[in-house]
């Protein structure tokens, strides 16, 4: 009737008249994300909860005997086992050696290859090729190259009068050799990220700075480097996490030796789980590594936020 206010009725689905439009949209959204959500719960949350539970038990994988021990595995690793802190020290040395070297080399390559010139695509491909090369093949080839007198590297050094060490059999050199080969393997990925970030910087900034008389170093220090901050943070976090997770290079090149000089945390966890069959203890070590990596990531994010 005229003069009476119109009553609005929420739109409903013809096939399900009891559903409002808002409820229907919410159900469709949950259906769309359900595959990803299911994968996250099954392949991330589930295993993480399982590792936490295993770490609270003394579980031998070989005998399948399990006994609840609470935090005893953590206490043993942190206060009793003398090898644990040696392994952590090796992991920190590996990260300290790898991360700055990787980032510095990646930035240098990106600065050189970010502009167009004849052959730039070829050089980008050459430096990126190791990233997509099989890690197993890469480690095995370098293991042969770094042998004693028969190794190609030492033969080249001998050609210029330098007596090279047995790179993978001397504790003082094995860690350095593994770090360098890992840097060469993965630097191409960070190089590509830096190239993308450099090409996104407007050239007007550099042109204006040069008109004001700024040198190349001043342009890099006060314009380019600050604008690379977000990319640098991502590269630093990802490279740090990867340095603590390294396993294949250690396993194939040194197996933690010589004299446990390259025994890092990821490989030590593998030894405890699949060589000594101490699944509970290995799970506790894995959780400790998870906490270490998480703390380092948070610290890096905090430092970056404070600088900005």
C-alpha atoms as a PDB file:
ATOM      1  CA  UNK A   1       0.000   0.000   0.000  1.00  0.00           C
ATOM      2  CA  UNK A   2       1.072   3.524  -0.664  1.00  0.00           C
ATOM      3  CA  UNK A   3       2.664   5.296   2.268  1.00  0.00           C
ATOM      4  CA  UNK A   4       3.953   2.160   3.984  1.00  0.00           C
ATOM      5  CA  UNK A   5       7.733   1.695   4.144  1.00  0.00           C
ATOM      6  CA  UNK A   6       9.113  -1.015   1.916  1.00  0.00           C
ATOM      7  CA  UNK A   7      10.424  -4.032   3.757  1.00  0.00           C
ATOM      8  CA  UNK A   8      13.826  -5.176   2.474  1.00  0.00           C
ATOM      9  CA  UNK A   9      14.321  -8.874   2.301  1.00  0.00           C
ATOM     10  CA  UNK A  10      17.867 -10.239   2.124  1.00  0.00           C
ATOM     11  CA  UNK A  11      18.598 -11.930  -1.153  1.00  0.00           C
ATOM     12  CA  UNK A  12      18.449 -15.696  -0.908  1.00  0.00           C
ATOM     13  CA  UNK A  13      19.701 -18.438  -3.100  1.00  0.00           C
ATOM     14  CA  UNK A  14      16.902 -20.004  -5.163  1.00  0.00           C
ATOM     15  CA  UNK A  15      18.316 -23.475  -4.580  1.00  0.00           C
ATOM     16  CA  UNK A  16      18.689 -22.939  -0.821  1.00  0.00           C
ATOM     17  CA  UNK A  17      16.111 -20.333   0.277  1.00  0.00           C
ATOM     18  CA  UNK A  18      17.338 -20.472   3.897  1.00  0.00           C
ATOM     19  CA  UNK A  19      20.764 -19.029   2.889  1.00  0.00           C
ATOM     20  CA  UNK A  20      21.257 -15.275   2.807  1.00  0.00           C
ATOM     21  CA  UNK A  21      23.521 -13.766   0.189  1.00  0.00           C
ATOM     22  CA  UNK A  22      26.175 -13.038   2.828  1.00  0.00           C
ATOM     23  CA  UNK A  23      26.152 -16.626   4.086  1.00  0.00           C
ATOM     24  CA  UNK A  24      26.374 -17.935   0.531  1.00  0.00           C
ATOM     25  CA  UNK A  25      29.376 -15.739  -0.265  1.00  0.00           C
ATOM     26  CA  UNK A  26      31.105 -16.836   2.938  1.00  0.00           C
ATOM     27  CA  UNK A  27      30.546 -20.508   2.098  1.00  0.00           C
ATOM     28  CA  UNK A  28      31.903 -20.005  -1.421  1.00  0.00           C
ATOM     29  CA  UNK A  29      34.991 -18.274  -0.025  1.00  0.00           C
ATOM     30  CA  UNK A  30      35.672 -21.136   2.395  1.00  0.00           C
ATOM     31  CA  UNK A  31      35.193 -23.647  -0.412  1.00  0.00           C
ATOM     32  CA  UNK A  32      37.713 -21.821  -2.597  1.00  0.00           C
ATOM     33  CA  UNK A  33      40.394 -21.729   0.113  1.00  0.00           C
ATOM     34  CA  UNK A  34      39.638 -25.193   1.498  1.00  0.00           C
ATOM     35  CA  UNK A  35      42.254 -27.024  -0.668  1.00  0.00           C
ATOM     36  CA  UNK A  36      45.006 -24.645   0.474  1.00  0.00           C
ATOM     37  CA  UNK A  37      43.764 -24.720   4.054  1.00  0.00           C
ATOM     38  CA  UNK A  38      43.634 -28.527   4.044  1.00  0.00           C
ATOM     39  CA  UNK A  39      47.161 -28.709   2.648  1.00  0.00           C
ATOM     40  CA  UNK A  40      48.394 -26.276   5.297  1.00  0.00           C
ATOM     41  CA  UNK A  41      46.824 -28.293   8.109  1.00  0.00           C
ATOM     42  CA  UNK A  42      47.943 -31.670   6.767  1.00  0.00           C
ATOM     43  CA  UNK A  43      51.464 -30.858   5.590  1.00  0.00           C
ATOM     44  CA  UNK A  44      52.500 -28.089   8.026  1.00  0.00           C
ATOM     45  CA  UNK A  45      50.434 -27.937  11.202  1.00  0.00           C
ATOM     46  CA  UNK A  46      50.052 -31.724  11.462  1.00  0.00           C
ATOM     47  CA  UNK A  47      53.767 -32.550  11.155  1.00  0.00           C
ATOM     48  CA  UNK A  48      54.671 -29.651  13.458  1.00  0.00           C
ATOM     49  CA  UNK A  49      52.350 -30.937  16.177  1.00  0.00           C
ATOM     50  CA  UNK A  50      53.725 -34.459  15.641  1.00  0.00           C
ATOM     51  CA  UNK A  51      57.328 -33.265  15.997  1.00  0.00           C
ATOM     52  CA  UNK A  52      56.454 -31.454  19.234  1.00  0.00           C
ATOM     53  CA  UNK A  53      54.885 -34.650  20.600  1.00  0.00           C
ATOM     54  CA  UNK A  54      57.792 -36.830  19.478  1.00  0.00           C
ATOM     55  CA  UNK A  55      60.247 -34.441  21.126  1.00  0.00           C
ATOM     56  CA  UNK A  56      58.576 -35.123  24.471  1.00  0.00           C
ATOM     57  CA  UNK A  57      59.169 -38.857  24.131  1.00  0.00           C
ATOM     58  CA  UNK A  58      62.175 -41.126  24.104  1.00  0.00           C
ATOM     59  CA  UNK A  59      61.319 -42.973  20.919  1.00  0.00           C
ATOM     60  CA  UNK A  60      63.669 -45.383  19.198  1.00  0.00           C
ATOM     61  CA  UNK A  61      62.788 -45.715  15.518  1.00  0.00           C
ATOM     62  CA  UNK A  62      64.440 -49.125  15.239  1.00  0.00           C
ATOM     63  CA  UNK A  63      62.697 -50.811  18.179  1.00  0.00           C
ATOM     64  CA  UNK A  64      59.518 -48.684  17.990  1.00  0.00           C
ATOM     65  CA  UNK A  65      59.613 -48.298  21.779  1.00  0.00           C
ATOM     66  CA  UNK A  66      58.336 -44.966  23.086  1.00  0.00           C
ATOM     67  CA  UNK A  67      58.455 -43.530  26.603  1.00  0.00           C
ATOM     68  CA  UNK A  68      57.166 -40.132  27.650  1.00  0.00           C
ATOM     69  CA  UNK A  69      60.049 -38.116  29.144  1.00  0.00           C
ATOM     70  CA  UNK A  70      58.726 -34.546  29.032  1.00  0.00           C
ATOM     71  CA  UNK A  71      61.475 -31.983  28.497  1.00  0.00           C
ATOM     72  CA  UNK A  72      64.327 -34.414  29.149  1.00  0.00           C
ATOM     73  CA  UNK A  73      65.416 -34.409  25.477  1.00  0.00           C
ATOM     74  CA  UNK A  74      65.677 -30.622  25.499  1.00  0.00           C
ATOM     75  CA  UNK A  75      67.578 -30.612  28.783  1.00  0.00           C
ATOM     76  CA  UNK A  76      69.996 -33.227  27.484  1.00  0.00           C
ATOM     77  CA  UNK A  77      70.703 -31.245  24.321  1.00  0.00           C
ATOM     78  CA  UNK A  78      71.129 -27.902  26.045  1.00  0.00           C
ATOM     79  CA  UNK A  79      72.984 -28.914  29.193  1.00  0.00           C
ATOM     80  CA  UNK A  80      74.442 -32.422  28.862  1.00  0.00           C
ATOM     81  CA  UNK A  81      75.376 -33.239  25.273  1.00  0.00           C
ATOM     82  CA  UNK A  82      78.793 -31.642  24.531  1.00  0.00           C
ATOM     83  CA  UNK A  83      78.332 -32.099  20.772  1.00  0.00           C
ATOM     84  CA  UNK A  84      75.212 -29.927  20.606  1.00  0.00           C
ATOM     85  CA  UNK A  85      76.892 -26.572  21.163  1.00  0.00           C
ATOM     86  CA  UNK A  86      79.732 -27.559  18.841  1.00  0.00           C
ATOM     87  CA  UNK A  87      77.139 -28.253  16.156  1.00  0.00           C
ATOM     88  CA  UNK A  88      75.359 -24.955  16.835  1.00  0.00           C
ATOM     89  CA  UNK A  89      78.695 -23.163  16.605  1.00  0.00           C
ATOM     90  CA  UNK A  90      79.366 -24.773  13.218  1.00  0.00           C
ATOM     91  CA  UNK A  91      75.901 -23.751  11.998  1.00  0.00           C
ATOM     92  CA  UNK A  92      76.467 -20.148  13.097  1.00  0.00           C
ATOM     93  CA  UNK A  93      79.895 -20.078  11.414  1.00  0.00           C
ATOM     94  CA  UNK A  94      78.353 -21.462   8.242  1.00  0.00           C
ATOM     95  CA  UNK A  95      75.609 -18.793   8.296  1.00  0.00           C
ATOM     96  CA  UNK A  96      78.035 -15.956   9.090  1.00  0.00           C
ATOM     97  CA  UNK A  97      80.275 -17.040   6.236  1.00  0.00           C
ATOM     98  CA  UNK A  98      77.542 -17.698   3.699  1.00  0.00           C
ATOM     99  CA  UNK A  99      74.970 -14.909   4.150  1.00  0.00           C
ATOM    100  CA  UNK A 100      77.207 -11.799   3.778  1.00  0.00           C
ATOM    101  CA  UNK A 101      79.222 -13.380   0.955  1.00  0.00           C
ATOM    102  CA  UNK A 102      76.099 -14.455  -0.914  1.00  0.00           C
ATOM    103  CA  UNK A 103      74.388 -11.083  -0.552  1.00  0.00           C
ATOM    104  CA  UNK A 104      77.481  -9.031  -1.450  1.00  0.00           C
ATOM    105  CA  UNK A 105      78.237 -11.122  -4.532  1.00  0.00           C
ATOM    106  CA  UNK A 106      74.580 -11.115  -5.592  1.00  0.00           C
ATOM    107  CA  UNK A 107      74.393  -7.318  -5.309  1.00  0.00           C
ATOM    108  CA  UNK A 108      77.659  -6.855  -7.219  1.00  0.00           C
ATOM    109  CA  UNK A 109      76.458  -9.119 -10.032  1.00  0.00           C
ATOM    110  CA  UNK A 110      73.076  -7.398 -10.095  1.00  0.00           C
ATOM    111  CA  UNK A 111      74.680  -3.952 -10.337  1.00  0.00           C
ATOM    112  CA  UNK A 112      76.780  -5.162 -13.255  1.00  0.00           C
ATOM    113  CA  UNK A 113      73.949  -6.965 -15.062  1.00  0.00           C
ATOM    114  CA  UNK A 114      70.965  -4.713 -14.355  1.00  0.00           C
ATOM    115  CA  UNK A 115      71.583  -2.522 -17.417  1.00  0.00           C
ATOM    116  CA  UNK A 116      71.209  -3.488 -21.037  1.00  0.00           C
ATOM    117  CA  UNK A 117      74.353  -4.328 -23.011  1.00  0.00           C
ATOM    118  CA  UNK A 118      75.430  -6.909 -25.545  1.00  0.00           C
ATOM    119  CA  UNK A 119      75.457 -10.364 -23.979  1.00  0.00           C
ATOM    120  CA  UNK A 120      73.679  -9.426 -20.745  1.00  0.00           C
ATOM    121  CA  UNK A 121      71.163 -12.275 -21.134  1.00  0.00           C
ATOM    122  CA  UNK A 122      73.999 -14.759 -21.605  1.00  0.00           C
ATOM    123  CA  UNK A 123      75.777 -13.640 -18.431  1.00  0.00           C
ATOM    124  CA  UNK A 124      72.550 -13.676 -16.405  1.00  0.00           C
ATOM    125  CA  UNK A 125      71.910 -17.224 -17.608  1.00  0.00           C
ATOM    126  CA  UNK A 126      75.439 -18.336 -16.725  1.00  0.00           C
ATOM    127  CA  UNK A 127      75.208 -17.042 -13.156  1.00  0.00           C
ATOM    128  CA  UNK A 128      71.659 -18.336 -12.651  1.00  0.00           C
ATOM    129  CA  UNK A 129      72.292 -21.804 -14.136  1.00  0.00           C
ATOM    130  CA  UNK A 130      73.751 -23.296 -10.900  1.00  0.00           C
ATOM    131  CA  UNK A 131      70.476 -22.512  -9.093  1.00  0.00           C
ATOM    132  CA  UNK A 132      68.538 -24.933 -11.313  1.00  0.00           C
ATOM    133  CA  UNK A 133      71.353 -27.489 -11.429  1.00  0.00           C
ATOM    134  CA  UNK A 134      70.839 -30.634  -9.367  1.00  0.00           C
ATOM    135  CA  UNK A 135      72.284 -30.105  -5.892  1.00  0.00           C
ATOM    136  CA  UNK A 136      73.528 -33.696  -5.874  1.00  0.00           C
ATOM    137  CA  UNK A 137      75.371 -33.313  -9.169  1.00  0.00           C
ATOM    138  CA  UNK A 138      76.769 -29.956  -8.068  1.00  0.00           C
ATOM    139  CA  UNK A 139      78.139 -31.309  -4.794  1.00  0.00           C
ATOM    140  CA  UNK A 140      79.640 -34.423  -6.380  1.00  0.00           C
ATOM    141  CA  UNK A 141      81.396 -32.424  -9.107  1.00  0.00           C
ATOM    142  CA  UNK A 142      82.862 -29.997  -6.577  1.00  0.00           C
ATOM    143  CA  UNK A 143      83.943 -32.888  -4.384  1.00  0.00           C
ATOM    144  CA  UNK A 144      86.109 -34.126  -7.254  1.00  0.00           C
ATOM    145  CA  UNK A 145      87.362 -30.635  -8.099  1.00  0.00           C
ATOM    146  CA  UNK A 146      88.465 -30.040  -4.492  1.00  0.00           C
ATOM    147  CA  UNK A 147      90.378 -33.293  -4.024  1.00  0.00           C
ATOM    148  CA  UNK A 148      94.019 -33.236  -2.953  1.00  0.00           C
ATOM    149  CA  UNK A 149      96.765 -33.206  -5.543  1.00  0.00           C
ATOM    150  CA  UNK A 150      94.487 -34.827  -8.141  1.00  0.00           C
ATOM    151  CA  UNK A 151      91.838 -32.132  -7.845  1.00  0.00           C
ATOM    152  CA  UNK A 152      91.427 -29.607 -10.649  1.00  0.00           C
ATOM    153  CA  UNK A 153      91.554 -26.638  -8.257  1.00  0.00           C
ATOM    154  CA  UNK A 154      94.891 -27.695  -6.774  1.00  0.00           C
ATOM    155  CA  UNK A 155      96.273 -28.481 -10.214  1.00  0.00           C
ATOM    156  CA  UNK A 156      95.468 -24.924 -11.292  1.00  0.00           C
ATOM    157  CA  UNK A 157      97.079 -23.544  -8.136  1.00  0.00           C
ATOM    158  CA  UNK A 158     100.144 -25.701  -8.735  1.00  0.00           C
ATOM    159  CA  UNK A 159     100.432 -24.158 -12.189  1.00  0.00           C
ATOM    160  CA  UNK A 160     101.105 -20.774 -10.576  1.00  0.00           C
ATOM    161  CA  UNK A 161     103.370 -22.154  -7.860  1.00  0.00           C
ATOM    162  CA  UNK A 162     100.835 -22.512  -5.013  1.00  0.00           C
ATOM    163  CA  UNK A 163     100.596 -25.749  -3.050  1.00  0.00           C
ATOM    164  CA  UNK A 164      96.868 -26.074  -2.350  1.00  0.00           C
ATOM    165  CA  UNK A 165      95.512 -27.918   0.700  1.00  0.00           C
ATOM    166  CA  UNK A 166      93.348 -31.012   0.701  1.00  0.00           C
ATOM    167  CA  UNK A 167      90.253 -28.856   0.884  1.00  0.00           C
ATOM    168  CA  UNK A 168      87.705 -31.353   2.187  1.00  0.00           C
ATOM    169  CA  UNK A 169      90.031 -33.329   4.463  1.00  0.00           C
ATOM    170  CA  UNK A 170      91.506 -30.536   6.574  1.00  0.00           C
ATOM    171  CA  UNK A 171      89.304 -29.035   9.320  1.00  0.00           C
ATOM    172  CA  UNK A 172      90.579 -25.509   8.725  1.00  0.00           C
ATOM    173  CA  UNK A 173      89.626 -25.575   5.038  1.00  0.00           C
ATOM    174  CA  UNK A 174      86.595 -27.873   4.801  1.00  0.00           C
ATOM    175  CA  UNK A 175      84.071 -25.359   6.152  1.00  0.00           C
ATOM    176  CA  UNK A 176      85.368 -22.605   3.870  1.00  0.00           C
ATOM    177  CA  UNK A 177      85.190 -24.927   0.858  1.00  0.00           C
ATOM    178  CA  UNK A 178      81.595 -25.919   1.587  1.00  0.00           C
ATOM    179  CA  UNK A 179      80.557 -22.294   2.141  1.00  0.00           C
ATOM    180  CA  UNK A 180      82.097 -21.102  -1.134  1.00  0.00           C
ATOM    181  CA  UNK A 181      80.561 -23.897  -3.201  1.00  0.00           C
ATOM    182  CA  UNK A 182      77.167 -23.214  -1.617  1.00  0.00           C
ATOM    183  CA  UNK A 183      77.460 -19.494  -2.368  1.00  0.00           C
ATOM    184  CA  UNK A 184      78.284 -20.168  -6.019  1.00  0.00           C
ATOM    185  CA  UNK A 185      75.333 -22.564  -6.198  1.00  0.00           C
ATOM    186  CA  UNK A 186      72.690 -20.165  -4.818  1.00  0.00           C
ATOM    187  CA  UNK A 187      73.952 -16.648  -5.587  1.00  0.00           C
ATOM    188  CA  UNK A 188      72.090 -16.520  -8.905  1.00  0.00           C
ATOM    189  CA  UNK A 189      68.687 -16.498  -7.203  1.00  0.00           C
ATOM    190  CA  UNK A 190      69.492 -13.462  -5.069  1.00  0.00           C
ATOM    191  CA  UNK A 191      71.085 -11.828  -8.092  1.00  0.00           C
ATOM    192  CA  UNK A 192      67.779 -12.041  -9.973  1.00  0.00           C
ATOM    193  CA  UNK A 193      65.902 -10.544  -7.012  1.00  0.00           C
ATOM    194  CA  UNK A 194      68.334  -7.650  -6.820  1.00  0.00           C
ATOM    195  CA  UNK A 195      68.149  -7.072 -10.583  1.00  0.00           C
ATOM    196  CA  UNK A 196      64.350  -6.837 -10.379  1.00  0.00           C
ATOM    197  CA  UNK A 197      64.615  -4.370  -7.490  1.00  0.00           C
ATOM    198  CA  UNK A 198      67.237  -2.247  -9.270  1.00  0.00           C
ATOM    199  CA  UNK A 199      65.190  -2.057 -12.444  1.00  0.00           C
ATOM    200  CA  UNK A 200      62.183  -0.883 -10.425  1.00  0.00           C
ATOM    201  CA  UNK A 201      64.078   2.205  -9.180  1.00  0.00           C
ATOM    202  CA  UNK A 202      63.136   5.250 -11.303  1.00  0.00           C
ATOM    203  CA  UNK A 203      66.099   6.539 -13.322  1.00  0.00           C
ATOM    204  CA  UNK A 204      64.972  10.094 -12.588  1.00  0.00           C
ATOM    205  CA  UNK A 205      66.469   9.805  -9.092  1.00  0.00           C
ATOM    206  CA  UNK A 206      69.923   9.017 -10.454  1.00  0.00           C
ATOM    207  CA  UNK A 207      69.685  11.717 -13.143  1.00  0.00           C
ATOM    208  CA  UNK A 208      68.664  14.357 -10.599  1.00  0.00           C
ATOM    209  CA  UNK A 209      71.486  13.338  -8.254  1.00  0.00           C
ATOM    210  CA  UNK A 210      74.071  13.578 -11.039  1.00  0.00           C
ATOM    211  CA  UNK A 211      72.822  17.051 -11.943  1.00  0.00           C
ATOM    212  CA  UNK A 212      73.525  18.012  -8.326  1.00  0.00           C
ATOM    213  CA  UNK A 213      77.071  16.683  -8.658  1.00  0.00           C
ATOM    214  CA  UNK A 214      76.678  13.426  -6.725  1.00  0.00           C
ATOM    215  CA  UNK A 215      79.276  10.728  -7.334  1.00  0.00           C
ATOM    216  CA  UNK A 216      78.448   7.126  -8.186  1.00  0.00           C
ATOM    217  CA  UNK A 217      79.180   6.065  -4.605  1.00  0.00           C
ATOM    218  CA  UNK A 218      76.957   8.784  -3.180  1.00  0.00           C
ATOM    219  CA  UNK A 219      74.127   7.764  -5.509  1.00  0.00           C
ATOM    220  CA  UNK A 220      74.446   4.167  -4.389  1.00  0.00           C
ATOM    221  CA  UNK A 221      74.809   5.024  -0.697  1.00  0.00           C
ATOM    222  CA  UNK A 222      71.978   7.558  -0.377  1.00  0.00           C
ATOM    223  CA  UNK A 223      69.551   6.565  -3.143  1.00  0.00           C
ATOM    224  CA  UNK A 224      69.979   3.023  -4.421  1.00  0.00           C
ATOM    225  CA  UNK A 225      70.813   1.223  -1.167  1.00  0.00           C
ATOM    226  CA  UNK A 226      67.887   2.632   0.885  1.00  0.00           C
ATOM    227  CA  UNK A 227      65.454   1.777  -1.912  1.00  0.00           C
ATOM    228  CA  UNK A 228      66.811  -1.783  -1.939  1.00  0.00           C
ATOM    229  CA  UNK A 229      65.956  -2.142   1.763  1.00  0.00           C
ATOM    230  CA  UNK A 230      62.801  -4.293   1.434  1.00  0.00           C
ATOM    231  CA  UNK A 231      64.473  -6.609  -1.091  1.00  0.00           C
ATOM    232  CA  UNK A 232      67.598  -6.853   1.056  1.00  0.00           C
ATOM    233  CA  UNK A 233      65.488  -7.815   4.072  1.00  0.00           C
ATOM    234  CA  UNK A 234      63.743 -10.612   2.148  1.00  0.00           C
ATOM    235  CA  UNK A 235      67.043 -11.914   0.785  1.00  0.00           C
ATOM    236  CA  UNK A 236      68.693 -11.788   4.208  1.00  0.00           C
ATOM    237  CA  UNK A 237      65.868 -13.664   5.929  1.00  0.00           C
ATOM    238  CA  UNK A 238      65.539 -16.335   3.226  1.00  0.00           C
ATOM    239  CA  UNK A 239      69.307 -16.848   2.927  1.00  0.00           C
ATOM    240  CA  UNK A 240      69.724 -17.102   6.706  1.00  0.00           C
ATOM    241  CA  UNK A 241      66.972 -19.704   6.950  1.00  0.00           C
ATOM    242  CA  UNK A 242      68.518 -21.634   4.061  1.00  0.00           C
ATOM    243  CA  UNK A 243      71.959 -21.561   5.680  1.00  0.00           C
ATOM    244  CA  UNK A 244      70.613 -23.276   8.799  1.00  0.00           C
ATOM    245  CA  UNK A 245      68.742 -25.861   6.734  1.00  0.00           C
ATOM    246  CA  UNK A 246      71.713 -26.884   4.579  1.00  0.00           C
ATOM    247  CA  UNK A 247      72.015 -30.652   4.367  1.00  0.00           C
ATOM    248  CA  UNK A 248      72.788 -31.897   0.865  1.00  0.00           C
ATOM    249  CA  UNK A 249      76.185 -30.188   0.505  1.00  0.00           C
ATOM    250  CA  UNK A 250      77.345 -31.397   3.916  1.00  0.00           C
ATOM    251  CA  UNK A 251      76.109 -34.943   3.352  1.00  0.00           C
ATOM    252  CA  UNK A 252      77.632 -35.324  -0.114  1.00  0.00           C
ATOM    253  CA  UNK A 253      80.892 -33.414   0.313  1.00  0.00           C
ATOM    254  CA  UNK A 254      82.104 -33.963   3.883  1.00  0.00           C
ATOM    255  CA  UNK A 255      79.514 -35.998   5.872  1.00  0.00           C
ATOM    256  CA  UNK A 256      80.151 -33.622   8.753  1.00  0.00           C
ATOM    257  CA  UNK A 257      83.892 -34.142   8.786  1.00  0.00           C
ATOM    258  CA  UNK A 258      86.759 -33.896   9.069  1.00  0.00           C
ATOM    259  CA  UNK A 259      86.766 -34.133  12.869  1.00  0.00           C
ATOM    260  CA  UNK A 260      83.158 -32.838  12.908  1.00  0.00           C
ATOM    261  CA  UNK A 261      84.415 -29.579  11.452  1.00  0.00           C
ATOM    262  CA  UNK A 262      81.403 -29.234   9.135  1.00  0.00           C
ATOM    263  CA  UNK A 263      78.829 -30.994  11.299  1.00  0.00           C
ATOM    264  CA  UNK A 264      75.923 -28.533  11.185  1.00  0.00           C
ATOM    265  CA  UNK A 265      72.589 -28.768  12.950  1.00  0.00           C
ATOM    266  CA  UNK A 266      70.480 -30.052  10.052  1.00  0.00           C
ATOM    267  CA  UNK A 267      72.904 -32.890   9.337  1.00  0.00           C
ATOM    268  CA  UNK A 268      73.220 -33.661  13.060  1.00  0.00           C
ATOM    269  CA  UNK A 269      69.433 -34.035  13.282  1.00  0.00           C
ATOM    270  CA  UNK A 270      69.559 -36.447  10.339  1.00  0.00           C
ATOM    271  CA  UNK A 271      72.257 -38.497  12.090  1.00  0.00           C
ATOM    272  CA  UNK A 272      70.273 -38.758  15.315  1.00  0.00           C
ATOM    273  CA  UNK A 273      67.080 -39.770  13.508  1.00  0.00           C
ATOM    274  CA  UNK A 274      68.267 -42.091  10.727  1.00  0.00           C
ATOM    275  CA  UNK A 275      71.675 -43.344  11.835  1.00  0.00           C
ATOM    276  CA  UNK A 276      71.186 -43.627  15.605  1.00  0.00           C
ATOM    277  CA  UNK A 277      67.355 -44.021  15.326  1.00  0.00           C
ATOM    278  CA  UNK A 278      66.722 -41.612  18.223  1.00  0.00           C
ATOM    279  CA  UNK A 279      63.596 -40.039  16.752  1.00  0.00           C
ATOM    280  CA  UNK A 280      62.501 -38.291  19.938  1.00  0.00           C
ATOM    281  CA  UNK A 281      65.888 -36.673  20.491  1.00  0.00           C
ATOM    282  CA  UNK A 282      66.109 -35.658  16.821  1.00  0.00           C
ATOM    283  CA  UNK A 283      62.648 -34.080  17.085  1.00  0.00           C
ATOM    284  CA  UNK A 284      63.779 -32.038  20.092  1.00  0.00           C
ATOM    285  CA  UNK A 285      66.811 -30.857  18.110  1.00  0.00           C
ATOM    286  CA  UNK A 286      64.523 -29.945  15.203  1.00  0.00           C
ATOM    287  CA  UNK A 287      62.341 -27.846  17.497  1.00  0.00           C
ATOM    288  CA  UNK A 288      65.423 -26.099  18.887  1.00  0.00           C
ATOM    289  CA  UNK A 289      66.548 -25.300  15.333  1.00  0.00           C
ATOM    290  CA  UNK A 290      63.040 -24.017  14.564  1.00  0.00           C
ATOM    291  CA  UNK A 291      63.221 -21.650  17.535  1.00  0.00           C
ATOM    292  CA  UNK A 292      66.733 -20.463  16.591  1.00  0.00           C
ATOM    293  CA  UNK A 293      65.684 -19.667  13.030  1.00  0.00           C
ATOM    294  CA  UNK A 294      62.485 -17.970  14.189  1.00  0.00           C
ATOM    295  CA  UNK A 295      64.387 -15.786  16.680  1.00  0.00           C
ATOM    296  CA  UNK A 296      66.937 -14.789  14.033  1.00  0.00           C
ATOM    297  CA  UNK A 297      64.137 -13.913  11.616  1.00  0.00           C
ATOM    298  CA  UNK A 298      62.327 -11.771  14.190  1.00  0.00           C
ATOM    299  CA  UNK A 299      65.575 -10.002  15.113  1.00  0.00           C
ATOM    300  CA  UNK A 300      66.271  -9.191  11.458  1.00  0.00           C
ATOM    301  CA  UNK A 301      62.738  -7.867  10.977  1.00  0.00           C
ATOM    302  CA  UNK A 302      63.034  -5.751  14.131  1.00  0.00           C
ATOM    303  CA  UNK A 303      66.399  -4.289  13.107  1.00  0.00           C
ATOM    304  CA  UNK A 304      65.065  -3.467   9.648  1.00  0.00           C
ATOM    305  CA  UNK A 305      61.963  -1.795  11.080  1.00  0.00           C
ATOM    306  CA  UNK A 306      64.075   0.233  13.502  1.00  0.00           C
ATOM    307  CA  UNK A 307      66.323   1.436  10.680  1.00  0.00           C
ATOM    308  CA  UNK A 308      63.326   2.614   8.698  1.00  0.00           C
END
